[in-house]
Amino acid sequence: RDLFPSSEKDTEEVIERCLHVMRKKGAIIVDPITPLKPERYREKEQMALQYEFKAGLNAYLETLQAAAGKGGDSKDEIGFIRNIDDLVEFNRKNRDKVMP
């Protein structure tokens, strides 16, 4: 409930009905809970997301190269983008065309 605070009576009724159904089905409900404060995990989560994004984007760009049958030395407009560093370089060189 603390995660989805509401002053709406209808919302509280829906939550109560859901909790009732879950209890009937055998769920053990811990209510209320005290969620962690976002500040406690935000910094580490942000760091993890940045690394995951870079690794995921690099892996995706490699699949595009493989699918296009491009070798690692292709230097056409898009063909040289093999990783995030190449993407940044492309955006810098073509900022007038590709950046808002």
N, C-alpha and C. Protein backbone atom coordinates (compact mmCIF):
# COMPACT_ATOMS: atom_id res chain seq x y z
N ARG A 1 0.81 -1.19 0.00
CA ARG A 1 0.00 0.00 0.00
C ARG A 1 0.86 1.25 0.00
N ASP A 2 1.96 1.20 0.73
CA ASP A 2 2.82 2.38 0.77
C ASP A 2 3.46 2.67 -0.59
N LEU A 3 3.59 1.63 -1.42
CA LEU A 3 4.17 1.84 -2.74
C LEU A 3 3.20 2.54 -3.67
N PHE A 4 1.89 2.38 -3.43
CA PHE A 4 0.87 2.97 -4.29
C PHE A 4 -0.12 3.76 -3.44
N PRO A 5 0.34 4.83 -2.80
CA PRO A 5 -0.56 5.56 -1.92
C PRO A 5 -1.69 6.21 -2.72
N SER A 6 -2.86 6.20 -2.13
CA SER A 6 -4.00 6.79 -2.80
C SER A 6 -5.01 7.23 -1.77
N SER A 7 -5.63 8.34 -2.04
CA SER A 7 -6.71 8.79 -1.16
C SER A 7 -8.06 8.34 -1.72
N GLU A 8 -8.04 7.63 -2.82
CA GLU A 8 -9.26 7.17 -3.46
C GLU A 8 -9.80 5.93 -2.74
N LYS A 9 -11.04 5.99 -2.35
CA LYS A 9 -11.67 4.86 -1.67
C LYS A 9 -11.72 3.64 -2.59
N ASP A 10 -12.02 3.86 -3.86
CA ASP A 10 -12.10 2.74 -4.82
C ASP A 10 -10.77 1.99 -4.91
N THR A 11 -9.68 2.71 -4.89
CA THR A 11 -8.36 2.08 -4.97
C THR A 11 -8.12 1.20 -3.75
N GLU A 12 -8.42 1.70 -2.59
CA GLU A 12 -8.26 0.92 -1.35
C GLU A 12 -9.11 -0.35 -1.41
N GLU A 13 -10.33 -0.23 -1.93
CA GLU A 13 -11.22 -1.40 -2.02
C GLU A 13 -10.64 -2.45 -2.96
N VAL A 14 -10.08 -2.02 -4.07
CA VAL A 14 -9.46 -2.96 -5.02
C VAL A 14 -8.28 -3.66 -4.35
N ILE A 15 -7.46 -2.91 -3.65
CA ILE A 15 -6.31 -3.50 -2.96
C ILE A 15 -6.79 -4.53 -1.94
N GLU A 16 -7.79 -4.19 -1.16
CA GLU A 16 -8.34 -5.12 -0.16
C GLU A 16 -8.87 -6.39 -0.80
N ARG A 17 -9.59 -6.25 -1.91
CA ARG A 17 -10.13 -7.44 -2.59
C ARG A 17 -8.99 -8.32 -3.11
N CYS A 18 -7.98 -7.69 -3.66
CA CYS A 18 -6.83 -8.46 -4.16
C CYS A 18 -6.12 -9.20 -3.03
N LEU A 19 -5.91 -8.52 -1.92
CA LEU A 19 -5.28 -9.17 -0.77
C LEU A 19 -6.13 -10.33 -0.26
N HIS A 20 -7.43 -10.14 -0.23
CA HIS A 20 -8.33 -11.19 0.22
C HIS A 20 -8.22 -12.43 -0.69
N VAL A 21 -8.25 -12.21 -1.99
CA VAL A 21 -8.14 -13.32 -2.95
C VAL A 21 -6.81 -14.04 -2.78
N MET A 22 -5.74 -13.28 -2.65
CA MET A 22 -4.42 -13.92 -2.49
C MET A 22 -4.34 -14.73 -1.21
N ARG A 23 -4.91 -14.21 -0.12
CA ARG A 23 -4.93 -14.97 1.14
C ARG A 23 -5.73 -16.26 0.98
N LYS A 24 -6.88 -16.18 0.32
CA LYS A 24 -7.71 -17.38 0.09
C LYS A 24 -6.96 -18.43 -0.71
N LYS A 25 -6.10 -17.98 -1.61
CA LYS A 25 -5.33 -18.91 -2.44
C LYS A 25 -4.09 -19.43 -1.72
N GLY A 26 -3.88 -18.96 -0.48
CA GLY A 26 -2.77 -19.50 0.31
C GLY A 26 -1.56 -18.60 0.42
N ALA A 27 -1.65 -17.40 -0.12
CA ALA A 27 -0.51 -16.49 -0.03
C ALA A 27 -0.33 -15.99 1.40
N ILE A 28 0.90 -15.82 1.78
CA ILE A 28 1.20 -15.19 3.06
C ILE A 28 1.50 -13.74 2.74
N ILE A 29 0.67 -12.86 3.23
CA ILE A 29 0.77 -11.43 2.92
C ILE A 29 1.46 -10.71 4.06
N VAL A 30 2.50 -10.00 3.75
CA VAL A 30 3.18 -9.14 4.73
C VAL A 30 2.66 -7.73 4.44
N ASP A 31 1.81 -7.26 5.34
CA ASP A 31 1.14 -5.99 5.07
C ASP A 31 0.96 -5.23 6.36
N PRO A 32 1.46 -4.06 6.47
CA PRO A 32 2.17 -3.30 5.44
C PRO A 32 3.65 -3.64 5.44
N ILE A 33 4.30 -3.29 4.35
CA ILE A 33 5.75 -3.43 4.28
C ILE A 33 6.36 -2.04 4.31
N THR A 34 7.62 -2.00 4.64
CA THR A 34 8.34 -0.74 4.59
C THR A 34 9.37 -0.86 3.48
N PRO A 35 9.09 -0.24 2.33
CA PRO A 35 10.04 -0.36 1.22
C PRO A 35 11.34 0.37 1.52
N LEU A 36 12.40 -0.09 0.86
CA LEU A 36 13.69 0.60 1.01
C LEU A 36 13.59 2.00 0.45
N LYS A 37 14.34 2.88 1.01
CA LYS A 37 14.42 4.24 0.50
C LYS A 37 15.21 4.22 -0.81
N PRO A 38 14.69 4.87 -1.84
CA PRO A 38 15.39 4.85 -3.14
C PRO A 38 16.83 5.32 -3.07
N GLU A 39 17.13 6.24 -2.18
CA GLU A 39 18.50 6.75 -2.09
C GLU A 39 19.49 5.64 -1.75
N ARG A 40 19.02 4.59 -1.09
CA ARG A 40 19.93 3.53 -0.65
C ARG A 40 20.44 2.68 -1.80
N TYR A 41 19.70 2.63 -2.89
CA TYR A 41 20.14 1.78 -4.00
C TYR A 41 20.28 2.51 -5.33
N ARG A 42 19.84 3.75 -5.40
CA ARG A 42 19.83 4.47 -6.67
C ARG A 42 21.22 4.58 -7.31
N GLU A 43 22.24 4.93 -6.53
CA GLU A 43 23.58 5.13 -7.09
C GLU A 43 24.13 3.83 -7.68
N LYS A 44 24.01 2.73 -6.93
CA LYS A 44 24.53 1.45 -7.43
C LYS A 44 23.71 0.95 -8.60
N GLU A 45 22.40 1.16 -8.55
CA GLU A 45 21.55 0.75 -9.66
C GLU A 45 21.91 1.52 -10.93
N GLN A 46 22.14 2.81 -10.80
CA GLN A 46 22.50 3.63 -11.95
C GLN A 46 23.81 3.15 -12.57
N MET A 47 24.79 2.82 -11.72
CA MET A 47 26.07 2.32 -12.22
C MET A 47 25.88 1.01 -12.98
N ALA A 48 25.09 0.11 -12.42
CA ALA A 48 24.84 -1.17 -13.08
C ALA A 48 24.12 -0.97 -14.41
N LEU A 49 23.13 -0.08 -14.43
CA LEU A 49 22.41 0.17 -15.68
C LEU A 49 23.31 0.73 -16.76
N GLN A 50 24.23 1.60 -16.38
CA GLN A 50 25.15 2.17 -17.38
C GLN A 50 26.03 1.10 -18.00
N TYR A 51 26.58 0.21 -17.18
CA TYR A 51 27.41 -0.87 -17.71
C TYR A 51 26.59 -1.83 -18.55
N GLU A 52 25.41 -2.18 -18.07
CA GLU A 52 24.55 -3.10 -18.82
C GLU A 52 24.13 -2.49 -20.15
N PHE A 53 23.82 -1.19 -20.15
CA PHE A 53 23.43 -0.52 -21.39
C PHE A 53 24.57 -0.56 -22.40
N LYS A 54 25.77 -0.21 -21.95
CA LYS A 54 26.91 -0.20 -22.87
C LYS A 54 27.18 -1.60 -23.42
N ALA A 55 27.20 -2.59 -22.56
CA ALA A 55 27.46 -3.96 -23.00
C ALA A 55 26.35 -4.44 -23.94
N GLY A 56 25.10 -4.14 -23.59
CA GLY A 56 23.98 -4.56 -24.42
C GLY A 56 23.98 -3.87 -25.77
N LEU A 57 24.29 -2.57 -25.78
CA LEU A 57 24.33 -1.84 -27.05
C LEU A 57 25.46 -2.35 -27.93
N ASN A 58 26.63 -2.59 -27.33
CA ASN A 58 27.74 -3.13 -28.11
C ASN A 58 27.38 -4.49 -28.71
N ALA A 59 26.74 -5.35 -27.93
CA ALA A 59 26.35 -6.67 -28.44
C ALA A 59 25.34 -6.51 -29.59
N TYR A 60 24.39 -5.59 -29.44
CA TYR A 60 23.40 -5.35 -30.48
C TYR A 60 24.07 -4.86 -31.77
N LEU A 61 24.97 -3.90 -31.63
CA LEU A 61 25.64 -3.36 -32.82
C LEU A 61 26.47 -4.43 -33.52
N GLU A 62 27.06 -5.34 -32.75
CA GLU A 62 27.80 -6.44 -33.37
C GLU A 62 26.88 -7.33 -34.18
N THR A 63 25.65 -7.56 -33.69
CA THR A 63 24.72 -8.41 -34.44
C THR A 63 24.31 -7.73 -35.74
N LEU A 64 24.22 -6.41 -35.73
CA LEU A 64 23.90 -5.69 -36.97
C LEU A 64 25.01 -5.86 -38.00
N GLN A 65 26.24 -5.79 -37.52
CA GLN A 65 27.38 -5.97 -38.42
C GLN A 65 27.35 -7.37 -39.03
N ALA A 66 27.10 -8.36 -38.17
CA ALA A 66 27.07 -9.73 -38.66
C ALA A 66 25.92 -9.93 -39.64
N ALA A 67 24.76 -9.38 -39.33
CA ALA A 67 23.59 -9.54 -40.19
C ALA A 67 23.79 -8.86 -41.53
N ALA A 68 24.51 -7.74 -41.53
CA ALA A 68 24.75 -7.00 -42.76
C ALA A 68 25.91 -7.59 -43.55
N GLY A 69 26.63 -8.55 -42.94
CA GLY A 69 27.77 -9.15 -43.60
C GLY A 69 28.94 -8.20 -43.73
N LYS A 70 29.00 -7.23 -42.86
CA LYS A 70 30.07 -6.23 -42.94
C LYS A 70 31.28 -6.72 -42.15
N GLY A 71 32.43 -6.48 -42.70
CA GLY A 71 33.65 -6.77 -41.98
C GLY A 71 33.94 -5.64 -41.01
N GLY A 72 34.90 -5.84 -40.16
CA GLY A 72 35.24 -4.84 -39.17
C GLY A 72 35.85 -3.57 -39.74
N ASP A 73 36.27 -3.56 -41.01
CA ASP A 73 36.95 -2.38 -41.55
C ASP A 73 36.08 -1.55 -42.47
N SER A 74 34.82 -1.88 -42.60
CA SER A 74 33.94 -1.13 -43.49
C SER A 74 33.80 0.30 -42.98
N LYS A 75 33.95 1.29 -43.87
CA LYS A 75 33.89 2.69 -43.45
C LYS A 75 32.78 3.45 -44.16
N ASP A 76 31.76 2.76 -44.69
CA ASP A 76 30.65 3.53 -45.25
C ASP A 76 29.92 4.24 -44.13
N GLU A 77 28.92 5.03 -44.46
CA GLU A 77 28.26 5.90 -43.46
C GLU A 77 27.93 5.18 -42.17
N ILE A 78 27.32 4.01 -42.23
CA ILE A 78 26.87 3.32 -41.03
C ILE A 78 27.74 2.09 -40.76
N GLY A 79 28.38 1.55 -41.76
CA GLY A 79 29.06 0.28 -41.63
C GLY A 79 30.15 0.21 -40.59
N PHE A 80 30.70 1.35 -40.22
CA PHE A 80 31.80 1.30 -39.26
C PHE A 80 31.31 1.27 -37.82
N ILE A 81 30.02 1.38 -37.58
CA ILE A 81 29.51 1.42 -36.21
C ILE A 81 29.46 0.00 -35.67
N ARG A 82 30.48 -0.34 -34.88
CA ARG A 82 30.59 -1.67 -34.31
C ARG A 82 30.35 -1.67 -32.81
N ASN A 83 30.44 -0.49 -32.18
CA ASN A 83 30.30 -0.40 -30.73
C ASN A 83 29.89 1.02 -30.36
N ILE A 84 29.70 1.26 -29.09
CA ILE A 84 29.21 2.57 -28.64
C ILE A 84 30.20 3.68 -28.96
N ASP A 85 31.48 3.39 -28.93
CA ASP A 85 32.47 4.42 -29.26
C ASP A 85 32.34 4.86 -30.71
N ASP A 86 32.12 3.89 -31.62
CA ASP A 86 31.91 4.23 -33.03
C ASP A 86 30.63 5.04 -33.20
N LEU A 87 29.60 4.70 -32.43
CA LEU A 87 28.33 5.42 -32.51
C LEU A 87 28.51 6.87 -32.07
N VAL A 88 29.23 7.08 -31.00
CA VAL A 88 29.50 8.45 -30.52
C VAL A 88 30.29 9.22 -31.58
N GLU A 89 31.30 8.57 -32.16
CA GLU A 89 32.11 9.21 -33.21
C GLU A 89 31.22 9.58 -34.40
N PHE A 90 30.37 8.68 -34.83
CA PHE A 90 29.46 8.96 -35.95
C PHE A 90 28.57 10.16 -35.63
N ASN A 91 28.00 10.18 -34.42
CA ASN A 91 27.12 11.29 -34.05
C ASN A 91 27.87 12.62 -34.00
N ARG A 92 29.10 12.60 -33.55
CA ARG A 92 29.90 13.84 -33.51
C ARG A 92 30.18 14.34 -34.93
N LYS A 93 30.59 13.44 -35.80
CA LYS A 93 30.93 13.83 -37.18
C LYS A 93 29.71 14.27 -37.96
N ASN A 94 28.54 13.72 -37.62
CA ASN A 94 27.33 14.00 -38.41
C ASN A 94 26.28 14.74 -37.59
N ARG A 95 26.71 15.48 -36.60
CA ARG A 95 25.77 16.12 -35.67
C ARG A 95 24.72 16.96 -36.38
N ASP A 96 25.08 17.63 -37.46
CA ASP A 96 24.10 18.48 -38.17
C ASP A 96 23.00 17.65 -38.82
N LYS A 97 23.31 16.41 -39.18
CA LYS A 97 22.31 15.56 -39.85
C LYS A 97 21.53 14.66 -38.90
N VAL A 98 22.18 14.20 -37.83
CA VAL A 98 21.55 13.15 -37.01
C VAL A 98 21.13 13.57 -35.61
N MET A 99 21.56 14.72 -35.18
CA MET A 99 21.22 15.14 -33.82
C MET A 99 20.14 16.22 -33.88
N PRO A 100 19.20 16.16 -32.94
CA PRO A 100 18.13 17.18 -32.95
C PRO A 100 18.64 18.57 -32.62
